[in-house]
Amino acid sequence: MYILILLDKQPPYSKIRFIYKPKTIIMKRLFFLSLLFTVIDSLAQDDSTVIIKTPLKEEATDTKVFYSQKVINTKTVEVHRKGIMEFSIDHYFGDLAGENGGPKHGFFGLDAIKDVRIGFQIGLSDRLNVIFARAKGSGFVTNQYEFGLKYQALKQKDNDPSHPISLTIFANDVLSAMKATDTALHLENSFEDFGSRHSQVVQVLAARKFGKVSLQLNPIYLHTNYVEPGAQENLFAIGGAIRLPISKKIIFLADYFHTFRSQSSIDFFDSRGISFHDPFGIGFEIVTEGHVFHLNFTNATDILENRFIRGTTASWGDGEFRWAFTLSRNFILFWTKNSNGT
């Protein structure tokens, strides 16, 4: 685009030249457009018709009340997400003190094995888990196989008062595959048929996290298909648990159960010189990369609820408590798409 006619310096102005200034024109136009947009933007900011959007409410997230699937003896409200498989090993040693403990008897119980459990827990969905396990067993009933289901009905959520607790239902069936003793002895392992080898547990676990402290209450119902004459087939117990962090990776744990027995059952076992005690455990949870390790102390000699609820005869007061540990690790069994489709 041509801008100006340039004449000679002196008359008669015989020479005329046209000068082409494209860059100058483009720069002027760019400057004009920039100025125009600046004015428009200023007017828009002062425009009272602009709608101010209210910030969205912070989305509530699930609260992890417990870090692992087990406290000491009791399970927790937690479940694994879909596709996650947990492999766990529980090990209960012999008495640490008392008549069968100390340095002279099994080196504080470390030379003895009361019970061992190897288990798998698989997330079929984000709320439903299935459990398969094999336990050695202690006492008269051994060689146990467990099949269980764990369903989380409610989840505590951060920043949402309408979801104040987590609630989980656990149920199992345990089969003893040991060789039965003579039925004439009427012992608890004098199984009469295949059905008498089973026992079942139904447990409701309700928990809430208060700040850093987690509390749990868990009533439990136990039915044993075959019991010795005078014993109870059906037992009800109430349990509780606490999780208290000491540091980022070390947590104090404790749980307790009280079993309600009929007076006739108590008298029956007293006549045989057998007295029962409430299972009580304390321990420490150690969180490491990829593993969760529990170092525990408990008077329970059996790992499965089906056994320690009805058969704990060891006493803390007599030194009949033991070292125990739980080691667990999670694996991805199968991949699932999350809500974003990734």
Protein backbone atom coordinates (compact mmCIF):
# COMPACT_ATOMS: atom_id res chain seq x y z
CA MET A 1 0.00 0.00 0.00
CA TYR A 2 1.39 3.37 -0.98
CA ILE A 3 1.40 6.17 1.54
CA LEU A 4 2.95 9.44 0.47
CA ILE A 5 4.27 11.27 -2.62
CA LEU A 6 7.81 12.40 -2.00
CA LEU A 7 8.78 15.50 -4.06
CA ASP A 8 12.16 16.94 -4.85
CA LYS A 9 13.61 19.26 -2.29
CA GLN A 10 13.62 22.22 -4.62
CA PRO A 11 11.07 23.54 -7.08
CA PRO A 12 9.91 22.89 -9.68
CA TYR A 13 9.39 19.51 -8.01
CA SER A 14 9.96 17.67 -11.21
CA LYS A 15 10.59 14.27 -9.60
CA ILE A 16 7.94 12.37 -7.77
CA ARG A 17 8.59 9.06 -5.93
CA PHE A 18 6.17 6.75 -4.13
CA ILE A 19 7.50 5.05 -0.98
CA TYR A 20 6.03 1.64 0.17
CA LYS A 21 5.80 1.33 3.99
CA PRO A 22 4.10 -2.06 4.73
CA LYS A 23 5.76 -2.71 8.10
CA THR A 24 4.78 0.67 9.46
CA ILE A 25 1.13 0.15 8.50
CA ILE A 26 1.01 -3.35 10.05
CA MET A 27 2.51 -2.13 13.32
CA LYS A 28 -0.01 0.70 13.52
CA ARG A 29 -2.89 -1.69 12.90
CA LEU A 30 -1.66 -4.15 15.53
CA PHE A 31 -1.33 -1.33 18.04
CA PHE A 32 -4.86 -0.16 17.24
CA LEU A 33 -6.30 -3.67 17.71
CA SER A 34 -4.46 -4.15 21.01
CA LEU A 35 -5.79 -0.85 22.29
CA LEU A 36 -9.31 -1.78 21.20
CA PHE A 37 -9.25 -5.13 23.04
CA THR A 38 -7.87 -3.44 26.16
CA VAL A 39 -10.78 -0.99 26.21
CA ILE A 40 -13.32 -3.79 25.65
CA ASP A 41 -11.81 -5.87 28.45
CA SER A 42 -11.94 -2.90 30.85
CA LEU A 43 -15.57 -2.28 30.02
CA ALA A 44 -16.41 -5.96 30.51
CA GLN A 45 -14.85 -5.95 33.98
CA ASP A 46 -16.99 -3.01 35.00
CA ASP A 47 -20.12 -4.52 33.47
CA SER A 48 -22.65 -5.19 36.23
CA THR A 49 -24.37 -7.85 34.12
CA VAL A 50 -21.47 -10.31 34.48
CA ILE A 51 -22.58 -13.33 36.58
CA ILE A 52 -20.18 -14.29 39.39
CA LYS A 53 -20.05 -18.09 39.75
CA THR A 54 -20.19 -19.56 43.24
CA PRO A 55 -17.23 -21.92 43.96
CA LEU A 56 -18.19 -25.57 43.96
CA LYS A 57 -18.43 -27.30 47.33
CA GLU A 58 -15.42 -29.45 48.12
CA GLU A 59 -16.19 -33.05 47.13
CA ALA A 60 -16.37 -35.49 50.04
CA THR A 61 -13.82 -38.30 49.98
CA ASP A 62 -13.84 -41.69 51.68
CA THR A 63 -12.15 -41.82 55.08
CA LYS A 64 -9.64 -44.60 55.69
CA VAL A 65 -10.56 -45.49 59.27
CA PHE A 66 -8.02 -48.32 59.56
CA TYR A 67 -4.97 -48.89 57.43
CA SER A 68 -5.17 -52.69 57.32
CA GLN A 69 -7.74 -55.49 57.29
CA LYS A 70 -6.99 -56.63 60.83
CA VAL A 71 -6.24 -55.09 64.23
CA ILE A 72 -4.91 -57.86 66.53
CA ASN A 73 -7.58 -60.56 66.72
CA THR A 74 -10.45 -58.74 65.04
CA LYS A 75 -10.98 -57.71 61.46
CA THR A 76 -11.55 -54.06 60.56
CA VAL A 77 -14.23 -52.25 58.58
CA GLU A 78 -11.88 -51.81 55.63
CA VAL A 79 -12.24 -53.68 52.33
CA HIS A 80 -10.06 -53.80 49.22
CA ARG A 81 -11.01 -52.14 45.97
CA LYS A 82 -12.05 -54.20 42.97
CA GLY A 83 -9.14 -56.12 41.48
CA ILE A 84 -6.90 -55.96 44.57
CA MET A 85 -5.75 -59.18 46.24
CA GLU A 86 -4.21 -59.26 49.71
CA PHE A 87 -1.89 -62.07 50.75
CA SER A 88 -1.47 -62.31 54.53
CA ILE A 89 0.29 -64.51 57.07
CA ASP A 90 -0.67 -64.64 60.76
CA HIS A 91 1.56 -66.43 63.26
CA TYR A 92 0.90 -67.05 66.97
CA PHE A 93 3.77 -68.36 69.12
CA GLY A 94 3.68 -70.16 72.47
CA ASP A 95 3.34 -68.59 75.93
CA LEU A 96 5.81 -65.81 76.56
CA ALA A 97 5.73 -66.28 80.36
CA GLY A 98 3.97 -68.43 82.93
CA GLU A 99 4.45 -72.18 83.43
CA ASN A 100 5.02 -72.87 79.74
CA GLY A 101 7.03 -69.75 78.91
CA GLY A 102 10.20 -67.97 79.95
CA PRO A 103 13.78 -68.65 78.80
CA LYS A 104 13.73 -72.33 79.85
CA HIS A 105 10.47 -73.34 78.19
CA GLY A 106 10.59 -72.76 74.46
CA PHE A 107 12.61 -69.53 74.69
CA PHE A 108 9.72 -67.23 75.59
CA GLY A 109 7.38 -69.19 73.33
CA LEU A 110 9.36 -68.64 70.13
CA ASP A 111 10.10 -72.34 69.78
CA ALA A 112 6.40 -73.20 69.86
CA ILE A 113 3.68 -72.61 67.29
CA LYS A 114 0.15 -72.19 68.53
CA ASP A 115 -1.52 -71.23 65.26
CA VAL A 116 -0.67 -70.14 61.72
CA ARG A 117 -3.02 -68.74 59.09
CA ILE A 118 -2.30 -68.12 55.41
CA GLY A 119 -5.06 -66.20 53.64
CA PHE A 120 -6.14 -64.40 50.49
CA GLN A 121 -8.66 -61.55 50.31
CA ILE A 122 -9.86 -60.45 46.87
CA GLY A 123 -11.88 -57.39 45.91
CA LEU A 124 -14.76 -58.53 43.68
CA SER A 125 -16.05 -54.95 43.76
CA ASP A 126 -15.18 -51.79 45.66
CA ARG A 127 -17.45 -52.96 48.49
CA LEU A 128 -17.49 -56.77 48.35
CA ASN A 129 -14.47 -58.96 49.17
CA VAL A 130 -14.10 -62.73 49.23
CA ILE A 131 -11.75 -64.51 51.66
CA PHE A 132 -10.00 -67.88 51.39
CA ALA A 133 -7.69 -69.07 54.16
CA ARG A 134 -6.15 -72.09 55.79
CA ALA A 135 -5.33 -72.15 59.50
CA LYS A 136 -3.44 -74.71 61.54
CA GLY A 137 -5.68 -74.31 64.56
CA SER A 138 -4.90 -74.73 68.23
CA GLY A 139 -6.33 -77.11 70.78
CA PHE A 140 -8.65 -79.93 69.80
CA VAL A 141 -9.88 -78.57 66.45
CA THR A 142 -7.20 -78.17 63.79
CA ASN A 143 -6.68 -78.22 60.01
CA GLN A 144 -9.19 -75.45 59.30
CA TYR A 145 -10.32 -74.01 55.97
CA GLU A 146 -12.11 -70.66 55.89
CA PHE A 147 -14.39 -69.19 53.24
CA GLY A 148 -15.68 -65.70 53.99
CA LEU A 149 -17.43 -62.65 52.57
CA LYS A 150 -16.87 -59.06 53.64
CA TYR A 151 -19.25 -56.32 52.50
CA GLN A 152 -18.90 -52.62 53.31
CA ALA A 153 -22.39 -51.13 53.48
CA LEU A 154 -21.40 -47.61 54.63
CA LYS A 155 -18.28 -45.51 54.26
CA GLN A 156 -17.30 -42.59 56.46
CA LYS A 157 -16.59 -39.52 54.33
CA ASP A 158 -14.53 -36.42 54.96
CA ASN A 159 -16.46 -33.14 55.00
CA ASP A 160 -19.80 -34.95 54.88
CA PRO A 161 -21.79 -35.20 58.15
CA SER A 162 -24.34 -37.46 56.44
CA HIS A 163 -21.74 -40.27 56.33
CA PRO A 164 -20.38 -40.32 59.91
CA ILE A 165 -19.34 -44.00 60.16
CA SER A 166 -18.11 -46.98 58.19
CA LEU A 167 -20.18 -50.16 58.50
CA THR A 168 -19.10 -53.59 57.29
CA ILE A 169 -20.67 -57.04 57.54
CA PHE A 170 -18.46 -60.12 57.69
CA ALA A 171 -19.61 -63.74 57.49
CA ASN A 172 -17.67 -66.97 57.13
CA ASP A 173 -17.86 -70.73 57.22
CA VAL A 174 -14.97 -72.75 58.62
CA LEU A 175 -14.45 -76.44 57.92
CA SER A 176 -12.15 -78.69 59.98
CA ALA A 177 -10.54 -81.38 57.84
CA MET A 178 -8.77 -83.12 60.73
CA LYS A 179 -9.31 -86.78 61.55
CA ALA A 180 -12.23 -87.12 63.97
CA THR A 181 -11.72 -88.70 67.39
CA ASP A 182 -13.90 -91.48 68.75
CA THR A 183 -17.49 -90.24 69.04
CA ALA A 184 -17.78 -92.10 72.34
CA LEU A 185 -15.37 -89.56 73.87
CA HIS A 186 -17.81 -86.70 73.16
CA LEU A 187 -15.04 -84.19 72.51
CA GLU A 188 -15.49 -81.11 70.36
CA ASN A 189 -13.61 -82.87 67.55
CA SER A 190 -15.67 -86.08 67.75
CA PHE A 191 -17.36 -85.18 64.49
CA GLU A 192 -20.34 -87.31 63.57
CA ASP A 193 -20.59 -86.34 59.88
CA PHE A 194 -19.44 -83.76 57.34
CA GLY A 195 -21.93 -81.15 58.55
CA SER A 196 -20.68 -81.33 62.12
CA ARG A 197 -17.24 -80.18 60.98
CA HIS A 198 -18.49 -76.65 60.22
CA SER A 199 -18.91 -73.44 62.18
CA GLN A 200 -20.15 -70.02 61.10
CA VAL A 201 -19.59 -66.43 62.16
CA VAL A 202 -21.62 -63.31 61.42
CA GLN A 203 -20.06 -60.05 62.52
CA VAL A 204 -21.06 -56.40 62.21
CA LEU A 205 -18.17 -53.93 62.28
CA ALA A 206 -18.93 -50.24 62.90
CA ALA A 207 -16.09 -47.72 63.10
CA ARG A 208 -15.35 -44.02 63.02
CA LYS A 209 -12.20 -41.95 62.82
CA PHE A 210 -11.98 -39.01 65.22
CA GLY A 211 -9.07 -36.90 64.06
CA LYS A 212 -6.17 -39.37 64.08
CA VAL A 213 -7.81 -41.88 66.44
CA SER A 214 -9.93 -44.72 65.05
CA LEU A 215 -12.49 -46.60 67.16
CA GLN A 216 -14.45 -49.71 66.26
CA LEU A 217 -17.32 -51.65 67.81
CA ASN A 218 -18.10 -55.14 66.53
CA PRO A 219 -20.77 -57.49 67.86
CA ILE A 220 -20.34 -61.08 66.68
CA TYR A 221 -22.53 -64.19 66.54
CA LEU A 222 -20.94 -67.66 66.42
CA HIS A 223 -22.67 -70.94 65.64
CA THR A 224 -20.78 -74.23 65.99
CA ASN A 225 -22.49 -77.20 64.36
CA TYR A 226 -21.06 -79.73 66.80
CA VAL A 227 -20.10 -79.14 70.44
CA GLU A 228 -19.43 -81.40 73.39
CA PRO A 229 -22.48 -82.11 75.61
CA GLY A 230 -23.02 -79.20 78.01
CA ALA A 231 -21.41 -76.60 75.73
CA GLN A 232 -23.24 -73.94 73.75
CA GLU A 233 -23.80 -74.19 70.03
CA ASN A 234 -24.63 -70.46 69.79
CA LEU A 235 -22.53 -67.72 71.33
CA PHE A 236 -22.75 -63.95 71.22
CA ALA A 237 -19.80 -61.65 71.90
CA ILE A 238 -19.11 -57.94 71.76
CA GLY A 239 -15.75 -56.56 70.69
CA GLY A 240 -13.98 -53.24 70.33
CA ALA A 241 -10.76 -51.91 68.83
CA ILE A 242 -8.64 -48.76 68.79
CA ARG A 243 -5.94 -47.43 66.45
CA LEU A 244 -3.72 -44.64 67.80
CA PRO A 245 -0.81 -43.29 65.69
CA ILE A 246 2.44 -42.73 67.55
CA SER A 247 4.37 -41.53 64.52
CA LYS A 248 3.86 -41.50 60.76
CA LYS A 249 4.76 -45.19 60.39
CA ILE A 250 4.22 -46.66 63.87
CA ILE A 251 0.70 -47.08 65.25
CA PHE A 252 -0.53 -48.49 68.56
CA LEU A 253 -3.34 -51.06 68.29
CA ALA A 254 -5.58 -52.84 70.78
CA ASP A 255 -8.72 -54.97 70.64
CA TYR A 256 -10.90 -56.86 73.09
CA PHE A 257 -13.82 -59.34 73.07
CA HIS A 258 -16.22 -60.37 75.79
CA THR A 259 -18.16 -63.58 75.22
CA PHE A 260 -21.57 -64.05 76.82
CA ARG A 261 -22.04 -67.61 78.12
CA SER A 262 -24.92 -69.29 79.88
CA GLN A 263 -24.43 -70.19 83.52
CA SER A 264 -25.03 -73.87 82.78
CA SER A 265 -22.21 -73.81 80.23
CA ILE A 266 -19.87 -72.08 82.68
CA ASP A 267 -20.67 -74.67 85.35
CA PHE A 268 -20.13 -77.51 82.88
CA PHE A 269 -16.60 -76.40 82.03
CA ASP A 270 -15.79 -75.49 85.63
CA SER A 271 -16.53 -79.12 86.56
CA ARG A 272 -13.82 -80.10 84.07
CA GLY A 273 -11.35 -77.57 85.45
CA ILE A 274 -11.65 -75.29 82.42
CA SER A 275 -12.16 -71.55 82.77
CA PHE A 276 -12.44 -69.10 79.89
CA HIS A 277 -10.93 -65.63 79.55
CA ASP A 278 -11.76 -62.73 77.29
CA PRO A 279 -9.43 -62.38 74.28
CA PHE A 280 -7.38 -59.21 74.58
CA GLY A 281 -4.55 -58.04 72.35
CA ILE A 282 -2.21 -55.09 72.02
CA GLY A 283 0.35 -54.42 69.33
CA PHE A 284 2.05 -52.09 66.92
CA GLU A 285 1.39 -51.53 63.25
CA ILE A 286 4.50 -50.78 61.20
CA VAL A 287 3.86 -49.37 57.73
CA THR A 288 6.63 -50.03 55.21
CA GLU A 289 6.96 -49.76 51.45
CA GLY A 290 4.60 -52.37 50.05
CA HIS A 291 3.97 -54.19 53.34
CA VAL A 292 2.03 -53.78 56.57
CA PHE A 293 3.57 -55.53 59.56
CA HIS A 294 1.90 -56.06 62.96
CA LEU A 295 3.84 -57.06 66.07
CA ASN A 296 1.25 -58.26 68.57
CA PHE A 297 0.76 -59.68 72.06
CA THR A 298 -2.43 -61.61 72.82
CA ASN A 299 -3.79 -64.29 75.13
CA ALA A 300 -5.79 -65.85 72.26
CA THR A 301 -4.27 -69.11 71.02
CA ASP A 302 -6.42 -69.41 67.88
CA ILE A 303 -6.49 -66.97 64.99
CA LEU A 304 -9.97 -67.55 63.57
CA GLU A 305 -12.97 -65.95 65.30
CA ASN A 306 -14.74 -69.30 65.13
CA ARG A 307 -12.26 -70.66 67.64
CA PHE A 308 -10.98 -67.87 69.91
CA ILE A 309 -14.49 -66.54 70.68
CA ARG A 310 -15.50 -69.85 72.26
CA GLY A 311 -12.19 -71.33 73.34
CA THR A 312 -9.75 -68.80 74.85
CA THR A 313 -8.53 -70.31 78.15
CA ALA A 314 -5.17 -68.51 78.42
CA SER A 315 -4.86 -65.69 80.95
CA TRP A 316 -2.80 -62.50 80.80
CA GLY A 317 -2.56 -62.56 84.60
CA ASP A 318 -0.83 -65.97 84.51
CA GLY A 319 1.63 -64.89 81.82
CA GLU A 320 -0.19 -66.96 79.20
CA PHE A 321 0.12 -64.45 76.40
CA ARG A 322 2.25 -64.75 73.30
CA TRP A 323 4.17 -63.01 70.60
CA ALA A 324 2.27 -62.83 67.35
CA PHE A 325 2.68 -61.12 64.02
CA THR A 326 0.68 -60.36 60.90
CA LEU A 327 2.34 -59.63 57.56
CA SER A 328 0.29 -58.57 54.55
CA ARG A 329 0.93 -57.38 51.04
CA ASN A 330 -1.43 -56.26 48.28
CA PHE A 331 -1.25 -57.24 44.62
CA ILE A 332 -3.16 -56.10 41.53
CA LEU A 333 -5.06 -59.21 40.45
CA PHE A 334 -6.83 -57.55 37.52
CA TRP A 335 -7.09 -54.02 36.19
CA THR A 336 -10.32 -52.03 36.32
CA LYS A 337 -11.28 -48.69 34.81
CA ASN A 338 -11.88 -45.86 37.22
CA SER A 339 -14.57 -43.24 36.93
CA ASN A 340 -12.46 -41.27 34.42
CA GLY A 341 -12.25 -44.30 32.13
CA THR A 342 -8.48 -44.62 32.48
